[in-house]
Amino acid sequence: MSPQRGPRRQPFAKCRGARQSAPDPCRAGHQGLVEPLGFPRSSLRRKDEAIAAITEAGGFGAFALLHDTFHHHLSDEAVLYPHRTGLVHISGVIDPDLPLAKIEDEHRQLLDGRDILGNIDQIRALLADGYDGPFSFEPFSPLTHAIPNIEAALRASMGYVQRALARDAS
C-alpha cells in the first residue's frame, strides 16, 4: 500500500476509510506492506503515522512497514522501527548539489560510494537493531534503466553494500 502523492498534502487520516473496503491480507496468506513516502506532499509521510494507521486497521499481524531508504531520508525521520519492518527498499542519490526539496524518484539510482542518502548507515542501523528481512533495490532513474549490462551493475551495487557493511563490522 502506498499513500497518495499530490500537489498538496492530504492528511492520511482522511484516507483511512479505504481500509474498510480492503481485504485482510492475512486471509490470503500474505502480509500487507505500508510504505510511507517521505515527500512533503505525501498523504503518509512518516513511519509513526503508518504505525498509527496499521494499529487502527487491525495491527501488525496483517501489515508491516516498508522502509525505503530514499523516503526515510526525505522524511527527515530518525526512528527506523526494524521490528515493524517487513521489507527494505534501497536506492541512492549521487548528486551532492541537489537540494533536498528537489530530490525526486527520477534521481534514485543503484547504490555506490557517492550516495548522499546515508543508505549504509540506515542498513547498518536496521540490522544492528534486529531487522532480518529482505532488501531490494528500487532505482527509478532513467540513467539506471539505460545501463546496457544491468546485471553487472546490480552485482557491483550489491558488492558495494556487502563490502561497506563488512568493513564496518571489522
N, C-alpha and C. Protein backbone atom coordinates (compact mmCIF):
# COMPACT_ATOMS: atom_id res chain seq x y z
N MET A 1 0.85 -1.17 0.00
CA MET A 1 0.00 0.00 0.00
C MET A 1 0.89 1.22 0.00
N SER A 2 0.68 2.09 -0.95
CA SER A 2 1.40 3.35 -0.99
C SER A 2 0.41 4.49 -0.83
N PRO A 3 0.79 5.50 -0.09
CA PRO A 3 -0.09 6.64 0.10
C PRO A 3 -0.18 7.49 -1.16
N GLN A 4 -1.07 8.46 -1.12
CA GLN A 4 -1.22 9.39 -2.22
C GLN A 4 -0.06 10.37 -2.22
N ARG A 5 0.27 10.84 -3.42
CA ARG A 5 1.28 11.88 -3.56
C ARG A 5 0.74 12.87 -4.56
N GLY A 6 0.43 14.06 -4.10
CA GLY A 6 -0.18 15.03 -4.98
C GLY A 6 0.40 16.40 -4.81
N PRO A 7 -0.21 17.38 -5.47
CA PRO A 7 0.32 18.74 -5.40
C PRO A 7 0.23 19.35 -4.01
N ARG A 8 -0.71 18.87 -3.20
CA ARG A 8 -0.76 19.35 -1.81
C ARG A 8 -1.04 18.16 -0.90
N ARG A 9 -0.59 18.27 0.31
CA ARG A 9 -0.67 17.16 1.26
C ARG A 9 -2.09 17.00 1.78
N GLN A 10 -2.61 15.80 1.67
CA GLN A 10 -3.90 15.47 2.29
C GLN A 10 -3.59 14.62 3.51
N PRO A 11 -4.09 14.99 4.68
CA PRO A 11 -3.79 14.19 5.87
C PRO A 11 -4.20 12.74 5.68
N PHE A 12 -3.37 11.83 6.13
CA PHE A 12 -3.62 10.41 5.96
C PHE A 12 -4.89 9.98 6.66
N ALA A 13 -5.25 10.68 7.74
CA ALA A 13 -6.47 10.32 8.47
C ALA A 13 -7.69 10.35 7.54
N LYS A 14 -7.70 11.23 6.54
CA LYS A 14 -8.81 11.30 5.60
C LYS A 14 -8.80 10.13 4.63
N CYS A 15 -7.67 9.46 4.48
CA CYS A 15 -7.55 8.34 3.55
C CYS A 15 -7.81 7.00 4.22
N ARG A 16 -7.92 6.98 5.53
CA ARG A 16 -8.02 5.72 6.26
C ARG A 16 -9.30 4.94 5.98
N GLY A 17 -10.34 5.59 5.51
CA GLY A 17 -11.59 4.88 5.22
C GLY A 17 -11.41 3.78 4.19
N ALA A 18 -10.40 3.87 3.36
CA ALA A 18 -10.16 2.86 2.34
C ALA A 18 -9.87 1.50 2.96
N ARG A 19 -9.35 1.48 4.17
CA ARG A 19 -9.00 0.21 4.80
C ARG A 19 -10.23 -0.65 5.04
N GLN A 20 -11.39 -0.02 5.20
CA GLN A 20 -12.61 -0.77 5.48
C GLN A 20 -13.04 -1.61 4.28
N SER A 21 -12.70 -1.19 3.07
CA SER A 21 -13.08 -1.96 1.89
C SER A 21 -11.94 -2.84 1.39
N ALA A 22 -10.75 -2.70 1.96
CA ALA A 22 -9.61 -3.51 1.54
C ALA A 22 -9.67 -4.88 2.20
N PRO A 23 -9.34 -5.95 1.46
CA PRO A 23 -9.35 -7.28 2.07
C PRO A 23 -8.20 -7.44 3.07
N ASP A 24 -8.40 -8.27 4.06
CA ASP A 24 -7.37 -8.58 5.03
C ASP A 24 -6.33 -9.47 4.34
N PRO A 25 -5.08 -8.99 4.21
CA PRO A 25 -4.08 -9.79 3.50
C PRO A 25 -3.79 -11.13 4.19
N CYS A 26 -4.02 -11.23 5.50
CA CYS A 26 -3.76 -12.48 6.22
C CYS A 26 -4.66 -13.60 5.71
N ARG A 27 -5.90 -13.26 5.34
CA ARG A 27 -6.81 -14.29 4.84
C ARG A 27 -6.28 -14.93 3.57
N ALA A 28 -5.48 -14.23 2.83
CA ALA A 28 -4.91 -14.77 1.60
C ALA A 28 -3.50 -15.30 1.83
N GLY A 29 -3.04 -15.34 3.09
CA GLY A 29 -1.71 -15.83 3.40
C GLY A 29 -0.60 -14.84 3.11
N HIS A 30 -0.93 -13.55 3.10
CA HIS A 30 0.05 -12.51 2.80
C HIS A 30 0.11 -11.51 3.95
N GLN A 31 1.10 -10.67 3.89
CA GLN A 31 1.20 -9.55 4.82
C GLN A 31 1.25 -8.28 3.97
N GLY A 32 0.38 -7.34 4.25
CA GLY A 32 0.39 -6.08 3.53
C GLY A 32 1.55 -5.21 4.00
N LEU A 33 2.17 -4.52 3.07
CA LEU A 33 3.27 -3.61 3.40
C LEU A 33 2.81 -2.17 3.18
N VAL A 34 3.05 -1.33 4.17
CA VAL A 34 2.66 0.07 4.10
C VAL A 34 3.93 0.89 3.96
N GLU A 35 4.01 1.66 2.88
CA GLU A 35 5.21 2.43 2.57
C GLU A 35 4.96 3.93 2.72
N PRO A 36 5.46 4.53 3.79
CA PRO A 36 5.38 5.98 3.89
C PRO A 36 6.27 6.62 2.83
N LEU A 37 5.75 7.62 2.14
CA LEU A 37 6.52 8.35 1.14
C LEU A 37 7.00 9.64 1.78
N GLY A 38 8.27 9.86 1.79
CA GLY A 38 8.86 10.98 2.52
C GLY A 38 8.63 12.34 1.93
N PHE A 39 7.98 12.42 0.79
CA PHE A 39 7.74 13.73 0.16
C PHE A 39 6.81 14.57 1.04
N PRO A 40 7.08 15.87 1.17
CA PRO A 40 6.22 16.72 2.00
C PRO A 40 4.75 16.69 1.57
N ARG A 41 4.47 16.40 0.32
CA ARG A 41 3.10 16.41 -0.19
C ARG A 41 2.42 15.04 -0.08
N SER A 42 3.07 14.07 0.52
CA SER A 42 2.51 12.73 0.65
C SER A 42 1.43 12.68 1.72
N SER A 43 0.40 11.86 1.49
CA SER A 43 -0.65 11.70 2.49
C SER A 43 -0.16 10.88 3.68
N LEU A 44 0.93 10.14 3.51
CA LEU A 44 1.52 9.36 4.60
C LEU A 44 3.03 9.51 4.47
N ARG A 45 3.58 10.45 5.22
CA ARG A 45 4.98 10.82 5.05
C ARG A 45 5.92 10.07 5.99
N ARG A 46 5.48 9.76 7.18
CA ARG A 46 6.38 9.23 8.20
C ARG A 46 5.90 7.88 8.72
N LYS A 47 6.85 7.10 9.22
CA LYS A 47 6.54 5.76 9.72
C LYS A 47 5.69 5.81 10.99
N ASP A 48 5.83 6.85 11.82
CA ASP A 48 4.99 6.92 13.02
C ASP A 48 3.52 7.07 12.64
N GLU A 49 3.22 7.78 11.55
CA GLU A 49 1.85 7.88 11.05
C GLU A 49 1.38 6.52 10.54
N ALA A 50 2.26 5.80 9.86
CA ALA A 50 1.92 4.47 9.34
C ALA A 50 1.62 3.50 10.47
N ILE A 51 2.41 3.56 11.53
CA ILE A 51 2.19 2.67 12.68
C ILE A 51 0.83 2.95 13.31
N ALA A 52 0.46 4.21 13.42
CA ALA A 52 -0.86 4.55 13.97
C ALA A 52 -1.97 4.01 13.08
N ALA A 53 -1.81 4.14 11.76
CA ALA A 53 -2.83 3.65 10.83
C ALA A 53 -2.90 2.12 10.84
N ILE A 54 -1.74 1.46 10.91
CA ILE A 54 -1.71 -0.01 10.96
C ILE A 54 -2.38 -0.49 12.23
N THR A 55 -2.09 0.15 13.33
CA THR A 55 -2.69 -0.24 14.61
C THR A 55 -4.21 -0.07 14.54
N GLU A 56 -4.66 1.04 13.98
CA GLU A 56 -6.09 1.29 13.85
C GLU A 56 -6.75 0.28 12.91
N ALA A 57 -6.02 -0.18 11.90
CA ALA A 57 -6.58 -1.09 10.89
C ALA A 57 -6.53 -2.55 11.30
N GLY A 58 -6.00 -2.85 12.45
CA GLY A 58 -6.02 -4.24 12.88
C GLY A 58 -4.68 -4.78 13.27
N GLY A 59 -3.65 -4.02 13.16
CA GLY A 59 -2.38 -4.41 13.72
C GLY A 59 -1.38 -5.05 12.78
N PHE A 60 -0.29 -5.46 13.40
CA PHE A 60 0.89 -5.90 12.67
C PHE A 60 0.86 -7.37 12.29
N GLY A 61 -0.22 -8.10 12.56
CA GLY A 61 -0.33 -9.44 12.01
C GLY A 61 -0.65 -9.37 10.52
N ALA A 62 -1.42 -8.36 10.15
CA ALA A 62 -1.84 -8.21 8.76
C ALA A 62 -0.92 -7.28 7.96
N PHE A 63 -0.25 -6.36 8.65
CA PHE A 63 0.53 -5.34 7.95
C PHE A 63 1.91 -5.16 8.60
N ALA A 64 2.85 -4.67 7.79
CA ALA A 64 4.19 -4.29 8.27
C ALA A 64 4.61 -3.04 7.52
N LEU A 65 5.64 -2.40 8.01
CA LEU A 65 6.19 -1.23 7.33
C LEU A 65 7.08 -1.67 6.18
N LEU A 66 7.12 -0.85 5.15
CA LEU A 66 8.12 -0.96 4.10
C LEU A 66 9.04 0.23 4.31
N HIS A 67 10.27 -0.05 4.72
CA HIS A 67 11.26 1.02 4.94
C HIS A 67 11.95 1.27 3.61
N ASP A 68 11.84 2.47 3.11
CA ASP A 68 12.50 2.86 1.87
C ASP A 68 13.59 3.87 2.25
N THR A 69 14.84 3.56 1.93
CA THR A 69 15.94 4.43 2.35
C THR A 69 15.81 5.84 1.76
N PHE A 70 15.33 5.92 0.55
CA PHE A 70 15.11 7.21 -0.11
C PHE A 70 14.06 8.03 0.64
N HIS A 71 12.91 7.42 0.89
CA HIS A 71 11.82 8.15 1.56
C HIS A 71 12.15 8.42 3.02
N HIS A 72 12.88 7.52 3.65
CA HIS A 72 13.30 7.77 5.03
C HIS A 72 14.15 9.04 5.09
N HIS A 73 15.08 9.17 4.17
CA HIS A 73 15.94 10.36 4.14
C HIS A 73 15.11 11.62 3.88
N LEU A 74 14.18 11.54 2.93
CA LEU A 74 13.37 12.73 2.61
C LEU A 74 12.48 13.15 3.77
N SER A 75 12.01 12.18 4.55
CA SER A 75 11.10 12.50 5.65
C SER A 75 11.82 13.13 6.83
N ASP A 76 13.14 13.01 6.84
CA ASP A 76 13.96 13.53 7.95
C ASP A 76 13.54 12.88 9.27
N GLU A 77 13.10 11.64 9.16
CA GLU A 77 12.68 10.88 10.33
C GLU A 77 13.88 10.12 10.89
N ALA A 78 14.06 10.13 12.18
CA ALA A 78 15.21 9.46 12.79
C ALA A 78 14.93 8.00 13.16
N VAL A 79 13.72 7.70 13.58
CA VAL A 79 13.40 6.36 14.08
C VAL A 79 13.22 5.40 12.91
N LEU A 80 13.75 4.17 13.07
CA LEU A 80 13.74 3.19 11.98
C LEU A 80 12.67 2.11 12.11
N TYR A 81 12.28 1.69 13.29
CA TYR A 81 11.28 0.65 13.53
C TYR A 81 11.63 -0.69 12.88
N PRO A 82 12.81 -1.25 13.12
CA PRO A 82 13.20 -2.50 12.46
C PRO A 82 12.28 -3.68 12.76
N HIS A 83 11.72 -3.73 13.96
CA HIS A 83 10.84 -4.85 14.32
C HIS A 83 9.44 -4.71 13.75
N ARG A 84 9.15 -3.59 13.16
CA ARG A 84 7.85 -3.36 12.50
C ARG A 84 8.00 -3.42 10.97
N THR A 85 9.20 -3.70 10.48
CA THR A 85 9.52 -3.62 9.06
C THR A 85 9.51 -5.00 8.42
N GLY A 86 8.88 -5.09 7.24
CA GLY A 86 8.81 -6.36 6.51
C GLY A 86 9.66 -6.38 5.26
N LEU A 87 10.08 -5.23 4.76
CA LEU A 87 10.89 -5.13 3.55
C LEU A 87 11.61 -3.79 3.55
N VAL A 88 12.83 -3.77 3.00
CA VAL A 88 13.59 -2.53 2.86
C VAL A 88 13.90 -2.31 1.38
N HIS A 89 13.51 -1.14 0.86
CA HIS A 89 13.88 -0.73 -0.49
C HIS A 89 15.14 0.13 -0.40
N ILE A 90 16.08 -0.12 -1.29
CA ILE A 90 17.35 0.61 -1.32
C ILE A 90 17.48 1.34 -2.66
N SER A 91 17.83 2.60 -2.61
CA SER A 91 18.24 3.35 -3.80
C SER A 91 19.09 4.52 -3.34
N GLY A 92 20.00 4.92 -4.19
CA GLY A 92 20.90 6.01 -3.85
C GLY A 92 20.68 7.23 -4.73
N VAL A 93 21.06 8.37 -4.20
CA VAL A 93 21.11 9.62 -4.96
C VAL A 93 22.55 10.07 -4.89
N ILE A 94 23.10 10.45 -6.05
CA ILE A 94 24.55 10.73 -6.08
C ILE A 94 24.91 12.19 -6.32
N ASP A 95 23.95 13.05 -6.57
CA ASP A 95 24.24 14.45 -6.86
C ASP A 95 24.34 15.23 -5.55
N PRO A 96 25.56 15.60 -5.12
CA PRO A 96 25.70 16.30 -3.83
C PRO A 96 25.18 17.73 -3.85
N ASP A 97 24.94 18.28 -5.04
CA ASP A 97 24.46 19.66 -5.16
C ASP A 97 22.95 19.76 -5.25
N LEU A 98 22.27 18.62 -5.24
CA LEU A 98 20.82 18.60 -5.38
C LEU A 98 20.19 18.92 -4.02
N PRO A 99 19.42 20.01 -3.92
CA PRO A 99 18.77 20.34 -2.65
C PRO A 99 17.73 19.28 -2.30
N LEU A 100 17.58 19.02 -1.03
CA LEU A 100 16.64 18.00 -0.55
C LEU A 100 15.24 18.21 -1.12
N ALA A 101 14.78 19.44 -1.20
CA ALA A 101 13.44 19.74 -1.69
C ALA A 101 13.28 19.43 -3.18
N LYS A 102 14.36 19.24 -3.89
CA LYS A 102 14.31 18.97 -5.34
C LYS A 102 14.51 17.50 -5.68
N ILE A 103 14.83 16.67 -4.69
CA ILE A 103 15.07 15.24 -4.95
C ILE A 103 13.74 14.56 -5.26
N GLU A 104 13.71 13.83 -6.38
CA GLU A 104 12.52 13.13 -6.84
C GLU A 104 12.88 11.69 -7.19
N ASP A 105 11.86 10.90 -7.51
CA ASP A 105 12.06 9.50 -7.85
C ASP A 105 13.07 9.31 -8.98
N GLU A 106 13.06 10.19 -9.96
CA GLU A 106 13.97 10.02 -11.10
C GLU A 106 15.45 10.18 -10.75
N HIS A 107 15.74 10.62 -9.54
CA HIS A 107 17.13 10.72 -9.08
C HIS A 107 17.62 9.44 -8.41
N ARG A 108 16.75 8.48 -8.23
CA ARG A 108 17.07 7.25 -7.50
C ARG A 108 17.85 6.29 -8.39
N GLN A 109 19.07 5.98 -7.97
CA GLN A 109 19.95 5.12 -8.75
C GLN A 109 20.40 3.94 -7.90
N LEU A 110 21.19 3.07 -8.54
CA LEU A 110 21.82 1.99 -7.78
C LEU A 110 22.80 2.60 -6.80
N LEU A 111 23.08 1.88 -5.77
CA LEU A 111 23.89 2.38 -4.67
C LEU A 111 25.38 2.22 -4.96
N ASP A 112 26.15 3.27 -4.67
CA ASP A 112 27.61 3.20 -4.70
C ASP A 112 28.15 4.21 -3.69
N GLY A 113 29.46 4.38 -3.67
CA GLY A 113 30.10 5.23 -2.67
C GLY A 113 29.77 6.70 -2.77
N ARG A 114 29.09 7.13 -3.81
CA ARG A 114 28.73 8.55 -3.97
C ARG A 114 27.38 8.88 -3.33
N ASP A 115 26.71 7.92 -2.78
CA ASP A 115 25.37 8.09 -2.21
C ASP A 115 25.33 9.21 -1.17
N ILE A 116 24.32 10.06 -1.26
CA ILE A 116 24.16 11.16 -0.29
C ILE A 116 23.02 10.92 0.69
N LEU A 117 22.35 9.75 0.61
CA LEU A 117 21.18 9.47 1.45
C LEU A 117 21.51 8.75 2.75
N GLY A 118 22.74 8.31 2.91
CA GLY A 118 23.09 7.57 4.12
C GLY A 118 22.56 6.15 4.14
N ASN A 119 22.50 5.52 2.98
CA ASN A 119 21.98 4.15 2.88
C ASN A 119 22.72 3.18 3.78
N ILE A 120 24.03 3.20 3.75
CA ILE A 120 24.80 2.23 4.53
C ILE A 120 24.52 2.43 6.02
N ASP A 121 24.44 3.67 6.47
CA ASP A 121 24.11 3.93 7.88
C ASP A 121 22.72 3.41 8.23
N GLN A 122 21.75 3.60 7.33
CA GLN A 122 20.39 3.10 7.58
C GLN A 122 20.39 1.57 7.63
N ILE A 123 21.04 0.93 6.67
CA ILE A 123 21.07 -0.53 6.62
C ILE A 123 21.77 -1.07 7.86
N ARG A 124 22.90 -0.49 8.21
CA ARG A 124 23.64 -0.93 9.40
C ARG A 124 22.78 -0.80 10.65
N ALA A 125 22.09 0.31 10.80
CA ALA A 125 21.26 0.53 11.99
C ALA A 125 20.08 -0.45 12.03
N LEU A 126 19.44 -0.68 10.89
CA LEU A 126 18.35 -1.64 10.84
C LEU A 126 18.81 -3.03 11.27
N LEU A 127 19.94 -3.47 10.72
CA LEU A 127 20.47 -4.80 11.05
C LEU A 127 20.89 -4.87 12.52
N ALA A 128 21.55 -3.84 13.01
CA ALA A 128 22.01 -3.83 14.40
C ALA A 128 20.85 -3.87 15.39
N ASP A 129 19.72 -3.29 14.98
CA ASP A 129 18.55 -3.26 15.86
C ASP A 129 17.59 -4.42 15.64
N GLY A 130 18.02 -5.42 14.84
CA GLY A 130 17.25 -6.65 14.76
C GLY A 130 16.49 -6.92 13.47
N TYR A 131 16.57 -6.05 12.47
CA TYR A 131 15.88 -6.35 11.21
C TYR A 131 16.55 -7.55 10.55
N ASP A 132 15.74 -8.54 10.15
CA ASP A 132 16.30 -9.72 9.50
C ASP A 132 15.52 -10.10 8.23
N GLY A 133 14.86 -9.13 7.64
CA GLY A 133 14.08 -9.38 6.44
C GLY A 133 14.84 -9.07 5.17
N PRO A 134 14.12 -9.10 4.05
CA PRO A 134 14.77 -8.88 2.75
C PRO A 134 15.03 -7.41 2.45
N PHE A 135 16.00 -7.22 1.55
CA PHE A 135 16.33 -5.92 0.98
C PHE A 135 16.11 -6.03 -0.52
N SER A 136 15.67 -4.96 -1.14
CA SER A 136 15.56 -4.95 -2.60
C SER A 136 15.92 -3.56 -3.11
N PHE A 137 16.45 -3.53 -4.33
CA PHE A 137 16.78 -2.26 -4.95
C PHE A 137 15.53 -1.68 -5.61
N GLU A 138 15.42 -0.35 -5.58
CA GLU A 138 14.30 0.33 -6.22
C GLU A 138 14.80 1.61 -6.90
N PRO A 139 15.63 1.47 -7.93
CA PRO A 139 16.11 2.65 -8.66
C PRO A 139 15.15 3.03 -9.79
N PHE A 140 14.67 4.24 -9.79
CA PHE A 140 13.75 4.71 -10.82
C PHE A 140 14.43 5.56 -11.90
N SER A 141 15.68 5.89 -11.70
CA SER A 141 16.35 6.79 -12.62
C SER A 141 16.42 6.24 -14.03
N PRO A 142 16.09 7.06 -15.03
CA PRO A 142 16.28 6.64 -16.42
C PRO A 142 17.73 6.28 -16.72
N LEU A 143 18.67 6.89 -15.99
CA LEU A 143 20.09 6.55 -16.18
C LEU A 143 20.35 5.09 -15.80
N THR A 144 19.72 4.64 -14.74
CA THR A 144 19.86 3.24 -14.33
C THR A 144 19.17 2.33 -15.33
N HIS A 145 18.01 2.71 -15.78
CA HIS A 145 17.26 1.89 -16.71
C HIS A 145 17.98 1.74 -18.05
N ALA A 146 18.85 2.70 -18.38
CA ALA A 146 19.57 2.67 -19.65
C ALA A 146 20.91 1.92 -19.57
N ILE A 147 21.28 1.42 -18.41
CA ILE A 147 22.56 0.70 -18.28
C ILE A 147 22.50 -0.55 -19.16
N PRO A 148 23.47 -0.70 -20.08
CA PRO A 148 23.42 -1.84 -21.00
C PRO A 148 23.55 -3.20 -20.31
N ASN A 149 24.38 -3.29 -19.29
CA ASN A 149 24.55 -4.57 -18.58
C ASN A 149 24.07 -4.38 -17.14
N ILE A 150 22.75 -4.42 -16.99
CA ILE A 150 22.15 -4.15 -15.68
C ILE A 150 22.55 -5.20 -14.66
N GLU A 151 22.74 -6.45 -15.10
CA GLU A 151 23.14 -7.49 -14.15
C GLU A 151 24.49 -7.17 -13.52
N ALA A 152 25.45 -6.72 -14.32
CA ALA A 152 26.76 -6.35 -13.78
C ALA A 152 26.65 -5.15 -12.85
N ALA A 153 25.80 -4.19 -13.22
CA ALA A 153 25.61 -3.01 -12.37
C ALA A 153 24.97 -3.39 -11.04
N LEU A 154 23.98 -4.27 -11.07
CA LEU A 154 23.36 -4.74 -9.83
C LEU A 154 24.37 -5.48 -8.95
N ARG A 155 25.16 -6.34 -9.57
CA ARG A 155 26.19 -7.07 -8.81
C ARG A 155 27.20 -6.11 -8.18
N ALA A 156 27.58 -5.08 -8.92
CA ALA A 156 28.52 -4.09 -8.39
C ALA A 156 27.90 -3.34 -7.21
N SER A 157 26.63 -2.98 -7.32
CA SER A 157 25.96 -2.28 -6.24
C SER A 157 25.82 -3.17 -5.01
N MET A 158 25.43 -4.43 -5.22
CA MET A 158 25.33 -5.37 -4.09
C MET A 158 26.70 -5.58 -3.45
N GLY A 159 27.73 -5.68 -4.29
CA GLY A 159 29.09 -5.83 -3.76
C GLY A 159 29.51 -4.63 -2.93
N TYR A 160 29.15 -3.44 -3.38
CA TYR A 160 29.47 -2.23 -2.62
C TYR A 160 28.83 -2.30 -1.24
N VAL A 161 27.55 -2.65 -1.19
CA VAL A 161 26.83 -2.72 0.10
C VAL A 161 27.49 -3.76 1.00
N GLN A 162 27.77 -4.93 0.47
CA GLN A 162 28.38 -6.00 1.27
C GLN A 162 29.75 -5.59 1.79
N ARG A 163 30.56 -4.97 0.95
CA ARG A 163 31.90 -4.53 1.39
C ARG A 163 31.80 -3.44 2.45
N ALA A 164 30.90 -2.50 2.25
CA ALA A 164 30.73 -1.40 3.22
C ALA A 164 30.28 -1.94 4.57
N LEU A 165 29.35 -2.89 4.56
CA LEU A 165 28.88 -3.46 5.83
C LEU A 165 29.95 -4.33 6.47
N ALA A 166 30.71 -5.06 5.68
CA ALA A 166 31.79 -5.90 6.21
C ALA A 166 32.90 -5.04 6.79
N ARG A 167 33.21 -3.94 6.13
CA ARG A 167 34.25 -3.02 6.59
C ARG A 167 33.85 -2.43 7.94
N ASP A 168 32.57 -2.13 8.07
CA ASP A 168 32.07 -1.56 9.33
C ASP A 168 32.08 -2.59 10.46
N ALA A 169 31.91 -3.88 10.09
CA ALA A 169 31.84 -4.93 11.10
C ALA A 169 33.20 -5.28 11.67
N SER A 170 34.26 -4.97 10.93
CA SER A 170 35.60 -5.33 11.41
C SER A 170 36.26 -4.26 12.22
